[in-house]
């Protein structure tokens, strides 16, 4: 972008020099060439102003990025200070607690975790057992009376087949 700006500025300066030279030359009518050069200078100046506005927008974004970088550095410092403070607090707490209290606390935490894990396994096992019992119940819900009536129907049907075939029962 900087090379474009330099090239445009040089072009404007060269064209301004040409206009001065054509204005000094009174021997021929150079008004058409001068107006074309002036139009070209206007176009170059417009392009320069557009480029400058783009540069300003980029600079604004860069300033915002610089602010964000500064904020990130400050937050990193704050995090490090907080971690250091936390470590100091933990060390002080360790110094205050006796080994017997620490042992009791650790065992209490371990017991709680172990108890929670065992309860999860028990709940899972109970659910599986309930599902298994429900499957068995669904499978064996036929009553003795239903079985006997089904048997009697099957016997009657077989007797009728036997009579049709000519056998007496």
N, C-alpha and C. Protein backbone atom coordinates (compact mmCIF):
# COMPACT_ATOMS: atom_id res chain seq x y z
N UNK A 1 0.84 -1.17 0.00
CA UNK A 1 0.00 0.00 0.00
C UNK A 1 0.89 1.25 0.00
N UNK A 2 1.99 1.19 0.72
CA UNK A 2 2.91 2.34 0.77
C UNK A 2 3.50 2.61 -0.61
N UNK A 3 3.81 1.55 -1.36
CA UNK A 3 4.37 1.76 -2.70
C UNK A 3 3.34 2.39 -3.62
N UNK A 4 2.06 2.01 -3.46
CA UNK A 4 1.00 2.63 -4.26
C UNK A 4 0.91 4.12 -3.96
N UNK A 5 0.98 4.45 -2.69
CA UNK A 5 0.89 5.86 -2.29
C UNK A 5 2.07 6.64 -2.85
N UNK A 6 3.27 6.08 -2.73
CA UNK A 6 4.46 6.76 -3.26
C UNK A 6 4.34 6.95 -4.77
N UNK A 7 3.88 5.91 -5.47
CA UNK A 7 3.74 5.99 -6.92
C UNK A 7 2.71 7.05 -7.30
N UNK A 8 1.58 7.08 -6.60
CA UNK A 8 0.54 8.07 -6.89
C UNK A 8 1.03 9.49 -6.61
N UNK A 9 1.75 9.69 -5.51
CA UNK A 9 2.28 11.02 -5.18
C UNK A 9 3.28 11.48 -6.24
N UNK A 10 4.11 10.54 -6.68
CA UNK A 10 5.11 10.88 -7.72
C UNK A 10 4.39 11.22 -9.01
N UNK A 11 3.33 10.46 -9.35
CA UNK A 11 2.57 10.73 -10.56
C UNK A 11 1.92 12.10 -10.50
N UNK A 12 1.35 12.45 -9.34
CA UNK A 12 0.73 13.77 -9.17
C UNK A 12 1.77 14.87 -9.33
N UNK A 13 2.92 14.69 -8.73
CA UNK A 13 3.99 15.70 -8.80
C UNK A 13 4.48 15.87 -10.24
N UNK A 14 4.66 14.72 -10.94
CA UNK A 14 5.10 14.78 -12.34
C UNK A 14 4.08 15.49 -13.20
N UNK A 15 2.80 15.15 -13.01
CA UNK A 15 1.75 15.78 -13.81
C UNK A 15 1.62 17.28 -13.52
N UNK A 16 1.82 17.66 -12.25
CA UNK A 16 1.81 19.09 -11.92
C UNK A 16 2.96 19.81 -12.61
N UNK A 17 4.13 19.16 -12.67
CA UNK A 17 5.27 19.74 -13.39
C UNK A 17 4.99 19.88 -14.87
N UNK A 18 4.33 18.89 -15.46
CA UNK A 18 3.98 18.96 -16.88
C UNK A 18 2.99 20.09 -17.14
N UNK A 19 2.02 20.23 -16.23
CA UNK A 19 1.04 21.32 -16.39
C UNK A 19 1.75 22.67 -16.37
N UNK A 20 2.69 22.86 -15.46
CA UNK A 20 3.44 24.12 -15.40
C UNK A 20 4.21 24.35 -16.69
N UNK A 21 4.80 23.26 -17.20
CA UNK A 21 5.58 23.39 -18.44
C UNK A 21 4.67 23.76 -19.61
N UNK A 22 3.47 23.10 -19.67
CA UNK A 22 2.55 23.42 -20.77
C UNK A 22 1.99 24.83 -20.64
N UNK A 23 1.80 25.31 -19.43
CA UNK A 23 1.30 26.68 -19.24
C UNK A 23 2.34 27.71 -19.63
N UNK A 24 3.62 27.38 -19.42
CA UNK A 24 4.69 28.30 -19.80
C UNK A 24 4.86 28.36 -21.32
N UNK A 25 4.58 27.21 -21.96
CA UNK A 25 4.73 27.13 -23.42
C UNK A 25 3.53 27.82 -24.06
N UNK A 26 3.71 29.01 -24.56
CA UNK A 26 2.64 29.82 -25.15
C UNK A 26 2.52 29.59 -26.67
N UNK A 27 3.40 28.80 -27.24
CA UNK A 27 3.43 28.64 -28.70
C UNK A 27 2.27 27.79 -29.23
N UNK A 28 1.76 26.85 -28.44
CA UNK A 28 0.67 26.01 -28.94
C UNK A 28 -0.46 25.96 -27.91
N UNK A 29 -1.64 25.47 -28.38
CA UNK A 29 -2.80 25.37 -27.50
C UNK A 29 -2.74 24.03 -26.76
N UNK A 30 -2.37 24.10 -25.52
CA UNK A 30 -2.20 22.90 -24.69
C UNK A 30 -3.34 22.74 -23.68
N UNK A 31 -4.42 23.42 -23.86
CA UNK A 31 -5.50 23.41 -22.87
C UNK A 31 -6.12 22.01 -22.72
N UNK A 32 -6.23 21.28 -23.84
CA UNK A 32 -6.81 19.93 -23.77
C UNK A 32 -5.90 19.00 -22.96
N UNK A 33 -4.61 19.07 -23.20
CA UNK A 33 -3.65 18.23 -22.48
C UNK A 33 -3.63 18.62 -21.00
N UNK A 34 -3.67 19.92 -20.75
CA UNK A 34 -3.66 20.41 -19.37
C UNK A 34 -4.91 19.91 -18.62
N UNK A 35 -6.09 19.99 -19.28
CA UNK A 35 -7.32 19.53 -18.61
C UNK A 35 -7.27 18.02 -18.35
N UNK A 36 -6.70 17.26 -19.32
CA UNK A 36 -6.56 15.81 -19.10
C UNK A 36 -5.63 15.53 -17.93
N UNK A 37 -4.52 16.26 -17.84
CA UNK A 37 -3.58 16.07 -16.73
C UNK A 37 -4.22 16.46 -15.40
N UNK A 38 -5.01 17.55 -15.41
CA UNK A 38 -5.69 17.96 -14.19
C UNK A 38 -6.71 16.90 -13.75
N UNK A 39 -7.41 16.30 -14.74
CA UNK A 39 -8.36 15.23 -14.42
C UNK A 39 -7.62 14.03 -13.84
N UNK A 40 -6.48 13.71 -14.42
CA UNK A 40 -5.66 12.60 -13.92
C UNK A 40 -5.17 12.89 -12.50
N UNK A 41 -4.81 14.13 -12.22
CA UNK A 41 -4.38 14.53 -10.87
C UNK A 41 -5.54 14.36 -9.89
N UNK A 42 -6.76 14.74 -10.30
CA UNK A 42 -7.93 14.58 -9.43
C UNK A 42 -8.17 13.10 -9.11
N UNK A 43 -8.08 12.26 -10.14
CA UNK A 43 -8.26 10.82 -9.93
C UNK A 43 -7.22 10.27 -8.96
N UNK A 44 -5.97 10.68 -9.17
CA UNK A 44 -4.89 10.23 -8.29
C UNK A 44 -5.10 10.71 -6.86
N UNK A 45 -5.55 11.95 -6.71
CA UNK A 45 -5.81 12.49 -5.36
C UNK A 45 -6.97 11.74 -4.70
N UNK A 46 -8.00 11.41 -5.48
CA UNK A 46 -9.12 10.63 -4.92
C UNK A 46 -8.63 9.26 -4.46
N UNK A 47 -7.82 8.63 -5.30
CA UNK A 47 -7.27 7.33 -4.94
C UNK A 47 -6.41 7.44 -3.69
N UNK A 48 -5.61 8.52 -3.61
CA UNK A 48 -4.79 8.75 -2.42
C UNK A 48 -5.64 8.91 -1.17
N UNK A 49 -6.73 9.64 -1.27
CA UNK A 49 -7.59 9.84 -0.09
C UNK A 49 -8.25 8.52 0.32
N UNK A 50 -8.64 7.69 -0.66
CA UNK A 50 -9.21 6.37 -0.34
C UNK A 50 -8.17 5.50 0.38
N UNK A 51 -6.96 5.50 -0.14
CA UNK A 51 -5.90 4.71 0.49
C UNK A 51 -5.60 5.21 1.90
N UNK A 52 -5.60 6.53 2.06
CA UNK A 52 -5.35 7.09 3.40
C UNK A 52 -6.46 6.71 4.37
N UNK A 53 -7.72 6.69 3.89
CA UNK A 53 -8.81 6.29 4.78
C UNK A 53 -8.69 4.81 5.14
N UNK A 54 -8.25 3.97 4.18
CA UNK A 54 -8.01 2.56 4.48
C UNK A 54 -6.89 2.40 5.51
N UNK A 55 -5.85 3.19 5.36
CA UNK A 55 -4.73 3.15 6.31
C UNK A 55 -5.21 3.55 7.70
N UNK A 56 -6.06 4.58 7.78
CA UNK A 56 -6.59 5.01 9.07
C UNK A 56 -7.43 3.90 9.70
N UNK A 57 -8.24 3.21 8.88
CA UNK A 57 -9.06 2.12 9.41
C UNK A 57 -8.17 0.99 9.93
N UNK A 58 -7.13 0.67 9.19
CA UNK A 58 -6.19 -0.37 9.62
C UNK A 58 -5.48 0.05 10.89
N UNK A 59 -5.07 1.33 10.96
CA UNK A 59 -4.41 1.82 12.17
C UNK A 59 -5.34 1.74 13.39
N UNK A 60 -6.62 2.02 13.17
CA UNK A 60 -7.59 1.92 14.26
C UNK A 60 -7.69 0.48 14.75
N UNK A 61 -7.74 -0.46 13.80
CA UNK A 61 -7.79 -1.87 14.17
C UNK A 61 -6.51 -2.28 14.90
N UNK A 62 -5.38 -1.77 14.43
CA UNK A 62 -4.11 -2.10 15.08
C UNK A 62 -4.05 -1.54 16.50
N UNK A 63 -4.61 -0.34 16.68
CA UNK A 63 -4.66 0.22 18.03
C UNK A 63 -5.51 -0.66 18.93
N UNK A 64 -6.63 -1.14 18.40
CA UNK A 64 -7.50 -2.04 19.17
C UNK A 64 -6.74 -3.32 19.50
N UNK A 65 -5.99 -3.84 18.53
CA UNK A 65 -5.18 -5.04 18.79
C UNK A 65 -4.13 -4.77 19.85
N UNK A 66 -3.52 -3.59 19.80
CA UNK A 66 -2.53 -3.24 20.82
C UNK A 66 -3.17 -3.19 22.20
N UNK A 67 -4.39 -2.63 22.26
CA UNK A 67 -5.10 -2.59 23.53
C UNK A 67 -5.39 -4.01 24.03
N UNK A 68 -5.81 -4.88 23.11
CA UNK A 68 -6.08 -6.26 23.49
C UNK A 68 -4.81 -6.97 23.96
N UNK A 69 -3.70 -6.70 23.28
CA UNK A 69 -2.42 -7.30 23.70
C UNK A 69 -2.04 -6.83 25.11
N UNK A 70 -2.22 -5.55 25.35
CA UNK A 70 -1.91 -5.02 26.67
C UNK A 70 -2.83 -5.64 27.73
N UNK A 71 -4.09 -5.79 27.39
CA UNK A 71 -5.04 -6.41 28.32
C UNK A 71 -4.67 -7.87 28.58
N UNK A 72 -4.26 -8.57 27.53
CA UNK A 72 -3.86 -9.97 27.69
C UNK A 72 -2.63 -10.07 28.60
N UNK A 73 -1.68 -9.18 28.41
CA UNK A 73 -0.49 -9.20 29.27
C UNK A 73 -0.87 -8.94 30.73
N UNK A 74 -1.79 -7.99 30.94
CA UNK A 74 -2.21 -7.67 32.29
C UNK A 74 -2.95 -8.86 32.91
N UNK A 75 -3.81 -9.49 32.12
CA UNK A 75 -4.55 -10.66 32.63
C UNK A 75 -3.61 -11.81 32.95
N UNK A 76 -2.58 -12.00 32.13
CA UNK A 76 -1.60 -13.04 32.39
C UNK A 76 -0.87 -12.75 33.70
N UNK A 77 -0.51 -11.49 33.90
CA UNK A 77 0.14 -11.12 35.16
C UNK A 77 -0.80 -11.39 36.34
N UNK A 78 -2.08 -11.02 36.18
CA UNK A 78 -3.06 -11.25 37.25
C UNK A 78 -3.22 -12.74 37.55
N UNK A 79 -3.27 -13.54 36.50
CA UNK A 79 -3.41 -15.00 36.69
C UNK A 79 -2.20 -15.54 37.44
N UNK A 80 -1.02 -15.12 37.02
CA UNK A 80 0.20 -15.59 37.69
C UNK A 80 0.22 -15.17 39.16
N UNK A 81 -0.20 -13.93 39.42
CA UNK A 81 -0.22 -13.45 40.80
C UNK A 81 -1.25 -14.24 41.62
N UNK A 82 -2.40 -14.54 41.02
CA UNK A 82 -3.43 -15.31 41.71
C UNK A 82 -2.95 -16.72 42.01
N UNK A 83 -2.29 -17.35 41.01
CA UNK A 83 -1.75 -18.70 41.23
C UNK A 83 -0.71 -18.70 42.35
N UNK A 84 0.13 -17.68 42.35
CA UNK A 84 1.16 -17.58 43.39
C UNK A 84 0.50 -17.40 44.75
N UNK A 85 -0.52 -16.54 44.79
CA UNK A 85 -1.24 -16.31 46.04
C UNK A 85 -1.92 -17.59 46.51
N UNK A 86 -2.51 -18.32 45.59
CA UNK A 86 -3.17 -19.58 45.92
C UNK A 86 -2.17 -20.59 46.47
N UNK A 87 -1.00 -20.64 45.86
CA UNK A 87 0.04 -21.55 46.35
C UNK A 87 0.48 -21.16 47.76
N UNK A 88 0.61 -19.86 48.02
CA UNK A 88 0.99 -19.40 49.36
C UNK A 88 -0.09 -19.77 50.38
N UNK A 89 -1.35 -19.57 50.00
CA UNK A 89 -2.46 -19.91 50.91
C UNK A 89 -2.46 -21.40 51.19
N UNK A 90 -2.24 -22.20 50.16
CA UNK A 90 -2.21 -23.66 50.35
C UNK A 90 -1.05 -24.06 51.27
N UNK A 91 0.10 -23.43 51.09
CA UNK A 91 1.25 -23.74 51.96
C UNK A 91 0.95 -23.35 53.42
N UNK A 92 0.33 -22.20 53.62
CA UNK A 92 -0.03 -21.79 54.98
C UNK A 92 -1.03 -22.76 55.59
N UNK A 93 -1.99 -23.20 54.78
CA UNK A 93 -2.99 -24.15 55.28
C UNK A 93 -2.32 -25.47 55.65
N UNK A 94 -1.36 -25.90 54.82
CA UNK A 94 -0.64 -27.14 55.13
C UNK A 94 0.14 -27.03 56.43
N UNK A 95 0.69 -25.85 56.67
CA UNK A 95 1.46 -25.66 57.91
C UNK A 95 0.53 -25.69 59.13
N UNK A 96 -0.69 -25.20 58.97
CA UNK A 96 -1.61 -25.13 60.10
C UNK A 96 -2.22 -26.48 60.45
N UNK A 97 -2.36 -27.35 59.48
CA UNK A 97 -3.04 -28.63 59.72
C UNK A 97 -2.03 -29.67 60.20
N UNK A 98 -2.43 -30.43 61.21
CA UNK A 98 -1.54 -31.47 61.73
C UNK A 98 -1.63 -32.71 60.83
N UNK A 99 -0.66 -33.58 60.99
CA UNK A 99 -0.63 -34.78 60.15
C UNK A 99 -1.83 -35.68 60.48
N UNK A 100 -2.25 -35.69 61.73
CA UNK A 100 -3.41 -36.50 62.11
C UNK A 100 -4.69 -35.94 61.47
N UNK A 101 -4.84 -34.60 61.49
CA UNK A 101 -6.00 -33.98 60.85
C UNK A 101 -5.97 -34.21 59.34
N UNK A 102 -4.78 -34.13 58.75
CA UNK A 102 -4.65 -34.36 57.31
C UNK A 102 -5.04 -35.79 56.97
N UNK A 103 -4.59 -36.72 57.80
CA UNK A 103 -4.92 -38.13 57.57
C UNK A 103 -6.43 -38.32 57.64
N UNK A 104 -7.05 -37.72 58.64
CA UNK A 104 -8.50 -37.85 58.81
C UNK A 104 -9.24 -37.24 57.63
N UNK A 105 -8.80 -36.08 57.18
CA UNK A 105 -9.42 -35.40 56.05
C UNK A 105 -9.29 -36.22 54.77
N UNK A 106 -8.09 -36.73 54.53
CA UNK A 106 -7.85 -37.55 53.33
C UNK A 106 -8.70 -38.81 53.36
N UNK A 107 -8.76 -39.45 54.51
CA UNK A 107 -9.58 -40.66 54.62
C UNK A 107 -11.06 -40.34 54.42
N UNK A 108 -11.49 -39.22 54.93
CA UNK A 108 -12.88 -38.81 54.77
C UNK A 108 -13.21 -38.58 53.29
N UNK A 109 -12.33 -37.91 52.60
CA UNK A 109 -12.54 -37.67 51.16
C UNK A 109 -12.54 -38.99 50.41
N UNK A 110 -11.58 -39.86 50.74
CA UNK A 110 -11.51 -41.17 50.09
C UNK A 110 -12.75 -41.99 50.36
N UNK A 111 -13.23 -41.97 51.61
CA UNK A 111 -14.43 -42.71 51.97
C UNK A 111 -15.63 -42.21 51.17
N UNK A 112 -15.76 -40.90 51.06
CA UNK A 112 -16.88 -40.32 50.31
C UNK A 112 -16.84 -40.74 48.85
N UNK A 113 -15.66 -40.67 48.25
CA UNK A 113 -15.54 -41.06 46.84
C UNK A 113 -15.83 -42.55 46.66
N UNK A 114 -15.29 -43.36 47.55
CA UNK A 114 -15.51 -44.80 47.47
C UNK A 114 -16.99 -45.12 47.65
N UNK A 115 -17.62 -44.48 48.62
CA UNK A 115 -19.03 -44.70 48.87
C UNK A 115 -19.87 -44.32 47.65
N UNK A 116 -19.56 -43.18 47.04
CA UNK A 116 -20.30 -42.75 45.85
C UNK A 116 -20.14 -43.74 44.72
N UNK A 117 -18.92 -44.24 44.53
CA UNK A 117 -18.66 -45.20 43.46
C UNK A 117 -19.41 -46.50 43.69
N UNK A 118 -19.37 -47.00 44.92
CA UNK A 118 -20.07 -48.24 45.25
C UNK A 118 -21.57 -48.07 45.05
N UNK A 119 -22.12 -46.93 45.48
CA UNK A 119 -23.55 -46.67 45.31
C UNK A 119 -23.95 -46.63 43.83
N UNK A 120 -23.07 -46.08 43.00
CA UNK A 120 -23.35 -46.06 41.56
C UNK A 120 -23.41 -47.48 41.02
N UNK A 121 -22.44 -48.33 41.42
CA UNK A 121 -22.44 -49.72 40.97
C UNK A 121 -23.67 -50.46 41.49
N UNK A 122 -24.03 -50.22 42.74
CA UNK A 122 -25.22 -50.87 43.30
C UNK A 122 -26.49 -50.46 42.56
N UNK A 123 -26.62 -49.17 42.29
CA UNK A 123 -27.80 -48.70 41.56
C UNK A 123 -27.87 -49.35 40.18
N UNK A 124 -26.74 -49.44 39.52
CA UNK A 124 -26.70 -50.06 38.20
C UNK A 124 -27.10 -51.53 38.29
N UNK A 125 -26.56 -52.24 39.27
CA UNK A 125 -26.86 -53.65 39.45
C UNK A 125 -28.33 -53.86 39.79
N UNK A 126 -28.89 -53.02 40.63
CA UNK A 126 -30.30 -53.12 41.01
C UNK A 126 -31.19 -52.90 39.78
N UNK A 127 -30.85 -51.93 38.94
CA UNK A 127 -31.62 -51.70 37.72
C UNK A 127 -31.59 -52.92 36.80
N UNK A 128 -30.39 -53.51 36.64
CA UNK A 128 -30.27 -54.71 35.80
C UNK A 128 -31.08 -55.87 36.38
N UNK A 129 -31.04 -56.04 37.68
CA UNK A 129 -31.79 -57.11 38.35
C UNK A 129 -33.29 -56.90 38.17
N UNK A 130 -33.75 -55.67 38.31
CA UNK A 130 -35.16 -55.38 38.12
C UNK A 130 -35.59 -55.70 36.68
N UNK A 131 -34.76 -55.33 35.73
CA UNK A 131 -35.09 -55.62 34.33
C UNK A 131 -35.16 -57.12 34.09
N UNK A 132 -34.22 -57.86 34.67
CA UNK A 132 -34.21 -59.32 34.52
C UNK A 132 -35.47 -59.94 35.13
N UNK A 133 -35.85 -59.50 36.31
CA UNK A 133 -37.06 -60.02 36.97
C UNK A 133 -38.29 -59.69 36.13
N UNK A 134 -38.34 -58.49 35.55
CA UNK A 134 -39.48 -58.11 34.71
C UNK A 134 -39.55 -59.00 33.47
N UNK A 135 -38.39 -59.33 32.87
CA UNK A 135 -38.39 -60.22 31.71
C UNK A 135 -38.89 -61.61 32.10
N UNK A 136 -38.43 -62.12 33.23
CA UNK A 136 -38.87 -63.44 33.69
C UNK A 136 -40.37 -63.43 33.98
N UNK A 137 -40.85 -62.39 34.61
CA UNK A 137 -42.28 -62.28 34.93
C UNK A 137 -43.10 -62.29 33.64
N UNK A 138 -42.65 -61.47 32.66
CA UNK A 138 -43.38 -61.44 31.39
C UNK A 138 -43.37 -62.81 30.72
N UNK A 139 -42.27 -63.52 30.85
CA UNK A 139 -42.13 -64.82 30.21
C UNK A 139 -43.01 -65.88 30.86
N UNK A 140 -43.13 -65.86 32.17
CA UNK A 140 -43.81 -66.92 32.90
C UNK A 140 -45.13 -66.47 33.55
N UNK A 141 -45.82 -65.55 32.98
CA UNK A 141 -47.07 -65.07 33.58
C UNK A 141 -48.28 -65.94 33.21
N UNK A 142 -48.09 -67.00 32.46
CA UNK A 142 -49.19 -67.90 32.09
C UNK A 142 -49.58 -68.71 33.33
N UNK A 143 -50.88 -68.70 33.65
CA UNK A 143 -51.35 -69.41 34.85
C UNK A 143 -51.56 -70.90 34.54
N UNK A 144 -51.70 -71.70 35.60
CA UNK A 144 -51.92 -73.13 35.45
C UNK A 144 -53.25 -73.40 34.76
N UNK A 145 -54.25 -72.63 35.09
CA UNK A 145 -55.57 -72.80 34.47
C UNK A 145 -55.50 -72.58 32.97
N UNK A 146 -54.76 -71.55 32.54
CA UNK A 146 -54.61 -71.29 31.11
C UNK A 146 -53.89 -72.44 30.43
N UNK A 147 -52.85 -72.96 31.09
CA UNK A 147 -52.12 -74.09 30.51
C UNK A 147 -53.03 -75.32 30.36
N UNK A 148 -53.85 -75.62 31.37
CA UNK A 148 -54.74 -76.79 31.34
C UNK A 148 -55.77 -76.62 30.24
N UNK A 149 -56.37 -75.42 30.13
CA UNK A 149 -57.37 -75.20 29.08
C UNK A 149 -56.73 -75.30 27.70
N UNK A 150 -55.51 -74.79 27.53
CA UNK A 150 -54.82 -74.92 26.25
C UNK A 150 -54.54 -76.39 25.94
N UNK A 151 -54.16 -77.17 26.96
CA UNK A 151 -53.90 -78.60 26.78
C UNK A 151 -55.17 -79.34 26.38
N UNK A 152 -56.29 -79.03 27.04
CA UNK A 152 -57.56 -79.67 26.72
C UNK A 152 -57.99 -79.36 25.29
N UNK A 153 -57.78 -78.13 24.84
CA UNK A 153 -58.12 -77.76 23.46
C UNK A 153 -57.27 -78.56 22.47
N UNK A 154 -55.98 -78.68 22.77
CA UNK A 154 -55.08 -79.43 21.89
C UNK A 154 -55.47 -80.90 21.86
N UNK A 155 -55.88 -81.50 23.00
CA UNK A 155 -56.29 -82.91 23.06
C UNK A 155 -57.56 -83.11 22.24
N UNK A 156 -58.51 -82.18 22.38
CA UNK A 156 -59.76 -82.27 21.63
C UNK A 156 -59.49 -82.19 20.14
N UNK A 157 -58.59 -81.32 19.74
CA UNK A 157 -58.26 -81.18 18.33
C UNK A 157 -57.60 -82.44 17.80
N UNK A 158 -56.69 -83.02 18.58
CA UNK A 158 -56.04 -84.27 18.17
C UNK A 158 -57.06 -85.41 18.08
N UNK A 159 -58.00 -85.48 19.01
CA UNK A 159 -59.04 -86.50 18.98
C UNK A 159 -59.87 -86.38 17.71
N UNK A 160 -60.18 -85.16 17.33
CA UNK A 160 -60.98 -84.98 16.11
C UNK A 160 -60.18 -85.42 14.88
N UNK A 161 -58.87 -85.14 14.86
CA UNK A 161 -58.05 -85.59 13.74
C UNK A 161 -58.01 -87.12 13.68
N UNK A 162 -57.89 -87.72 14.84
CA UNK A 162 -57.82 -89.20 14.91
C UNK A 162 -59.13 -89.81 14.43
N UNK A 163 -60.28 -89.22 14.80
CA UNK A 163 -61.57 -89.75 14.36
C UNK A 163 -61.70 -89.61 12.86
N UNK A 164 -61.22 -88.52 12.28
CA UNK A 164 -61.29 -88.32 10.84
C UNK A 164 -60.45 -89.35 10.12
N UNK A 165 -59.35 -89.77 10.74
CA UNK A 165 -58.49 -90.76 10.13
C UNK A 165 -59.00 -92.19 10.37
N UNK A 166 -60.00 -92.34 11.18
CA UNK A 166 -60.58 -93.62 11.42
C UNK A 166 -60.09 -94.32 12.65
N UNK A 167 -59.47 -93.68 13.53
CA UNK A 167 -59.01 -94.28 14.77
C UNK A 167 -59.98 -93.88 15.87
N UNK A 168 -60.25 -94.82 16.76
CA UNK A 168 -61.13 -94.56 17.88
C UNK A 168 -60.28 -94.31 19.11
N UNK A 169 -60.62 -93.30 19.85
CA UNK A 169 -59.89 -93.00 21.08
C UNK A 169 -60.71 -93.33 22.28
